[in-house]
Amino acid sequence: MASNTIDMLRNDLPVQQESLVLSGEVPTGLVLVDIVNGFCTVGAGNLAPVAPDKQISGMVEESARLARVFCDRNWPVFAFLDSHHPDIPEPPYPPHCIAGTDESKLVPALQWLENEPNVTLRCKDCIDGFLGSIEKDGSNVFIDWVKTNRIKIILVVGICTDICVLDFVCSTISARNRGFFPSLEDVVVYSHGCATFDLPNDVARTIPGAIAHPQSELMHHIGLYMARGRGAKVVSEVAFDC
């Protein structure tokens, strides 16, 4: 039944995916969304996978591959880290990624980024990283990063495809369309570099206020479809010139 539903979804809501080849000729920035233990490491928190998850581990692997190439070439990287105050809830989700705990830290495969000079780390306490980049004086760290590096293409990877990744992509595209990024041309979502979480309906029924969230390929596909509908490009392959 689930397989039939996904096949029908792909037929009725197709997501056109392209290939992307990056070179130094077009300034490109890599954005990592919430690739932290609290969302990706087994048993690390309320929203972490309870068992090894192929979609999430694949996302981490691809994100680490891209990050390594970007750092080797000294291209700009911006990493969002979900990080919440213990006394400030984020409904409808249970407490997660509490600031100062291992939950809010990059996964082991990406912790080396903390020492890379071309990497900007941004802790955020909300779903949308674009909003989470706003400072008290009204400035925006992410906007400044794009402008400083004169970025034309943003390549987005991370978790969750249909939540934090999608919200960030939508806000960034809206800001681009309103002229906040004079240099920015394209926002690109790498499908194999994204993942989402799994909360089956039978489990959700046992959690007050919870909503079922079937991972399989269902919500991941919907997230990609929505991003494409908002104006993002979706790619299934990312390669680099020699």
Protein backbone atom coordinates (compact mmCIF):
# COMPACT_ATOMS: atom_id res chain seq x y z
CA MET A 1 0.00 0.00 0.00
CA ALA A 2 2.76 2.46 0.96
CA SER A 3 4.66 1.65 -2.23
CA ASN A 4 1.54 2.21 -4.33
CA THR A 5 0.91 5.54 -2.60
CA ILE A 6 4.44 6.73 -3.29
CA ASP A 7 4.29 5.65 -6.92
CA MET A 8 0.99 7.49 -7.36
CA LEU A 9 2.45 10.56 -5.67
CA ARG A 10 5.44 10.58 -7.98
CA ASN A 11 3.15 10.30 -11.00
CA ASP A 12 0.73 13.00 -9.88
CA LEU A 13 3.29 15.31 -8.26
CA PRO A 14 6.49 14.79 -10.23
CA VAL A 15 9.70 16.50 -9.14
CA GLN A 16 11.95 17.35 -12.04
CA GLN A 17 15.54 16.75 -10.95
CA GLU A 18 18.65 17.88 -12.75
CA SER A 19 22.39 17.36 -12.40
CA LEU A 20 24.66 20.09 -11.06
CA VAL A 21 28.31 20.54 -11.95
CA LEU A 22 30.12 23.13 -9.86
CA SER A 23 33.19 25.09 -10.80
CA GLY A 24 35.01 28.05 -9.35
CA GLU A 25 33.71 30.25 -12.16
CA VAL A 26 30.30 30.68 -10.47
CA PRO A 27 30.49 31.64 -6.76
CA THR A 28 28.62 28.92 -4.89
CA GLY A 29 27.88 28.53 -1.20
CA LEU A 30 26.99 25.32 0.63
CA VAL A 31 24.31 25.51 3.32
CA LEU A 32 24.03 22.67 5.84
CA VAL A 33 20.73 22.62 7.69
CA ASP A 34 20.64 21.08 11.19
CA ILE A 35 22.93 18.11 10.62
CA VAL A 36 23.25 17.70 14.38
CA ASN A 37 23.15 14.73 16.73
CA GLY A 38 19.67 15.54 17.97
CA PHE A 39 18.23 14.85 14.51
CA CYS A 40 20.72 12.38 13.04
CA THR A 41 22.49 10.25 15.66
CA VAL A 42 20.70 7.13 16.90
CA GLY A 43 19.31 7.59 20.40
CA ALA A 44 20.64 11.14 20.78
CA GLY A 45 17.33 12.77 21.74
CA ASN A 46 13.56 13.01 21.39
CA LEU A 47 13.73 13.68 17.64
CA ALA A 48 16.73 11.48 16.85
CA PRO A 49 16.31 8.18 15.01
CA VAL A 50 15.70 5.21 17.32
CA ALA A 51 17.55 2.85 14.97
CA PRO A 52 20.01 3.23 12.08
CA ASP A 53 18.26 5.07 9.26
CA LYS A 54 19.44 4.63 5.68
CA GLN A 55 18.00 7.93 4.43
CA ILE A 56 19.59 9.94 7.24
CA SER A 57 22.97 8.20 7.08
CA GLY A 58 23.02 8.74 3.31
CA MET A 59 22.29 12.42 3.81
CA VAL A 60 25.13 12.75 6.33
CA GLU A 61 27.54 10.96 3.99
CA GLU A 62 26.69 13.17 1.01
CA SER A 63 26.80 16.34 3.11
CA ALA A 64 30.23 15.42 4.44
CA ARG A 65 31.45 14.70 0.89
CA LEU A 66 30.30 18.08 -0.36
CA ALA A 67 31.64 19.92 2.69
CA ARG A 68 35.07 18.37 2.21
CA VAL A 69 35.29 19.52 -1.41
CA PHE A 70 34.05 23.01 -0.54
CA CYS A 71 36.63 23.33 2.23
CA ASP A 72 39.43 21.95 0.08
CA ARG A 73 38.60 24.64 -2.48
CA ASN A 74 38.06 27.30 0.17
CA TRP A 75 34.49 27.89 -0.97
CA PRO A 76 32.02 29.35 1.57
CA VAL A 77 30.04 27.03 3.84
CA PHE A 78 27.22 28.05 6.18
CA ALA A 79 26.01 25.53 8.78
CA PHE A 80 22.85 25.90 10.84
CA LEU A 81 22.80 24.18 14.22
CA ASP A 82 19.42 23.73 15.88
CA SER A 83 19.93 24.95 19.46
CA HIS A 84 17.16 25.67 21.96
CA HIS A 85 16.89 27.15 25.44
CA PRO A 86 15.55 24.46 27.81
CA ASP A 87 12.76 26.73 29.04
CA ILE A 88 11.53 27.89 25.63
CA PRO A 89 9.43 25.19 23.88
CA GLU A 90 8.96 24.84 20.15
CA PRO A 91 5.44 23.46 19.69
CA PRO A 92 4.39 21.00 18.38
CA TYR A 93 7.74 19.32 18.96
CA PRO A 94 9.03 17.88 22.24
CA PRO A 95 12.20 19.34 23.80
CA HIS A 96 15.13 18.78 21.46
CA CYS A 97 18.61 20.00 20.58
CA ILE A 98 19.04 21.80 23.89
CA ALA A 99 21.83 24.38 23.78
CA GLY A 100 25.07 23.21 25.36
CA THR A 101 24.28 19.50 24.97
CA ASP A 102 25.62 17.01 22.44
CA GLU A 103 22.21 17.13 20.71
CA SER A 104 22.95 20.59 19.34
CA LYS A 105 26.42 19.70 18.05
CA LEU A 106 27.33 18.68 14.53
CA VAL A 107 27.36 14.95 13.89
CA PRO A 108 30.79 13.31 14.28
CA ALA A 109 31.28 13.16 10.50
CA LEU A 110 31.07 16.98 10.32
CA GLN A 111 32.61 18.16 13.59
CA TRP A 112 35.85 18.99 11.78
CA LEU A 113 34.01 21.92 10.18
CA GLU A 114 34.29 23.82 13.46
CA ASN A 115 37.96 24.48 12.70
CA GLU A 116 37.65 25.43 9.04
CA PRO A 117 38.22 29.13 8.23
CA ASN A 118 35.72 29.18 5.34
CA VAL A 119 32.86 27.86 7.51
CA THR A 120 30.26 29.98 9.29
CA LEU A 121 28.34 28.26 12.10
CA ARG A 122 24.98 29.65 13.17
CA CYS A 123 22.98 28.36 16.13
CA LYS A 124 19.26 28.86 15.61
CA ASP A 125 16.30 28.45 17.94
CA CYS A 126 13.55 28.22 15.36
CA ILE A 127 12.54 26.08 12.40
CA ASP A 128 13.46 28.60 9.71
CA GLY A 129 17.20 29.32 9.55
CA PHE A 130 16.64 32.52 7.60
CA LEU A 131 14.64 33.94 10.50
CA GLY A 132 17.09 32.38 12.94
CA SER A 133 19.85 34.46 11.38
CA ILE A 134 18.29 37.77 12.41
CA GLU A 135 20.27 39.64 15.07
CA LYS A 136 18.82 41.93 17.74
CA ASP A 137 19.83 45.00 15.71
CA GLY A 138 17.83 43.73 12.73
CA SER A 139 20.78 42.61 10.65
CA ASN A 140 20.85 39.11 9.20
CA VAL A 141 23.97 36.94 9.42
CA PHE A 142 22.95 34.80 6.48
CA ILE A 143 22.21 37.76 4.20
CA ASP A 144 25.59 39.24 5.12
CA TRP A 145 27.29 35.91 4.31
CA VAL A 146 25.73 35.80 0.85
CA LYS A 147 26.63 39.41 0.14
CA THR A 148 30.19 39.16 1.45
CA ASN A 149 30.92 36.13 -0.71
CA ARG A 150 28.93 37.44 -3.70
CA ILE A 151 27.25 34.07 -3.95
CA LYS A 152 25.26 33.27 -7.08
CA ILE A 153 24.23 29.69 -6.25
CA ILE A 154 23.23 28.29 -2.87
CA LEU A 155 23.38 24.51 -2.56
CA VAL A 156 21.21 23.26 0.31
CA VAL A 157 21.44 19.95 2.16
CA GLY A 158 20.26 18.76 5.56
CA ILE A 159 17.29 17.69 7.63
CA CYS A 160 14.32 17.75 7.56
CA THR A 161 13.50 18.01 3.86
CA ASP A 162 9.90 19.07 4.47
CA ILE A 163 10.42 21.17 7.60
CA CYS A 164 13.63 23.11 8.35
CA VAL A 165 15.10 22.70 4.86
CA LEU A 166 11.85 23.68 3.14
CA ASP A 167 11.17 26.67 5.39
CA PHE A 168 14.70 28.00 4.89
CA VAL A 169 14.53 27.53 1.13
CA CYS A 170 11.16 29.29 0.86
CA SER A 171 12.28 32.26 2.94
CA THR A 172 15.55 32.58 1.02
CA ILE A 173 13.76 32.53 -2.33
CA SER A 174 11.26 35.14 -1.13
CA ALA A 175 14.14 37.34 0.09
CA ARG A 176 15.94 36.92 -3.22
CA ASN A 177 12.80 37.90 -5.12
CA ARG A 178 12.50 41.01 -2.95
CA GLY A 179 16.09 42.04 -3.72
CA PHE A 180 17.79 41.21 -0.43
CA PHE A 181 20.51 39.28 -2.32
CA PRO A 182 21.75 41.28 -5.32
CA SER A 183 24.09 38.50 -6.44
CA LEU A 184 21.95 35.41 -5.75
CA GLU A 185 20.53 33.64 -8.79
CA ASP A 186 19.63 30.08 -7.81
CA VAL A 187 18.70 28.12 -4.70
CA VAL A 188 19.41 24.44 -5.30
CA VAL A 189 18.24 21.53 -3.14
CA TYR A 190 20.22 18.30 -3.43
CA SER A 191 17.73 15.46 -2.96
CA HIS A 192 20.25 12.83 -1.84
CA GLY A 193 21.75 15.35 0.55
CA CYS A 194 18.46 15.75 2.41
CA ALA A 195 16.44 13.51 4.71
CA THR A 196 13.48 13.62 7.03
CA PHE A 197 12.29 11.70 10.09
CA ASP A 198 9.91 8.80 10.56
CA LEU A 199 6.92 8.85 12.91
CA PRO A 200 4.46 6.10 11.93
CA ASN A 201 0.77 6.66 12.56
CA ASP A 202 0.54 3.89 15.17
CA VAL A 203 3.31 5.57 17.18
CA ALA A 204 1.94 9.09 16.72
CA ARG A 205 -1.38 8.00 18.21
CA THR A 206 0.37 7.25 21.50
CA ILE A 207 1.91 10.74 21.75
CA PRO A 208 -0.40 13.61 22.77
CA GLY A 209 -0.51 16.27 20.07
CA ALA A 210 1.72 14.34 17.67
CA ILE A 211 1.01 14.11 13.94
CA ALA A 212 1.99 11.08 11.89
CA HIS A 213 5.00 11.69 9.68
CA PRO A 214 5.85 8.71 7.46
CA GLN A 215 9.41 9.06 6.24
CA SER A 216 9.75 6.32 3.59
CA GLU A 217 9.90 8.53 0.51
CA LEU A 218 6.57 10.22 1.15
CA MET A 219 7.34 13.34 3.19
CA HIS A 220 10.79 13.63 1.62
CA HIS A 221 9.18 13.74 -1.82
CA ILE A 222 6.58 16.26 -0.68
CA GLY A 223 9.31 18.50 0.71
CA LEU A 224 11.19 18.42 -2.58
CA TYR A 225 7.98 19.04 -4.53
CA MET A 226 7.11 22.06 -2.39
CA ALA A 227 10.63 23.49 -2.72
CA ARG A 228 10.45 23.11 -6.49
CA GLY A 229 7.06 24.78 -6.53
CA ARG A 230 8.47 27.77 -4.64
CA GLY A 231 11.19 28.28 -7.23
CA ALA A 232 14.10 26.15 -6.06
CA LYS A 233 15.98 23.85 -8.37
CA VAL A 234 16.15 20.22 -7.27
CA VAL A 235 19.11 18.09 -8.29
CA SER A 236 19.79 14.39 -7.89
CA GLU A 237 23.52 14.62 -8.59
CA VAL A 238 26.26 17.07 -7.63
CA ALA A 239 29.66 16.85 -9.29
CA PHE A 240 32.72 19.09 -9.51
CA ASP A 241 34.92 20.06 -12.39
CA CYS A 242 38.55 18.96 -12.29
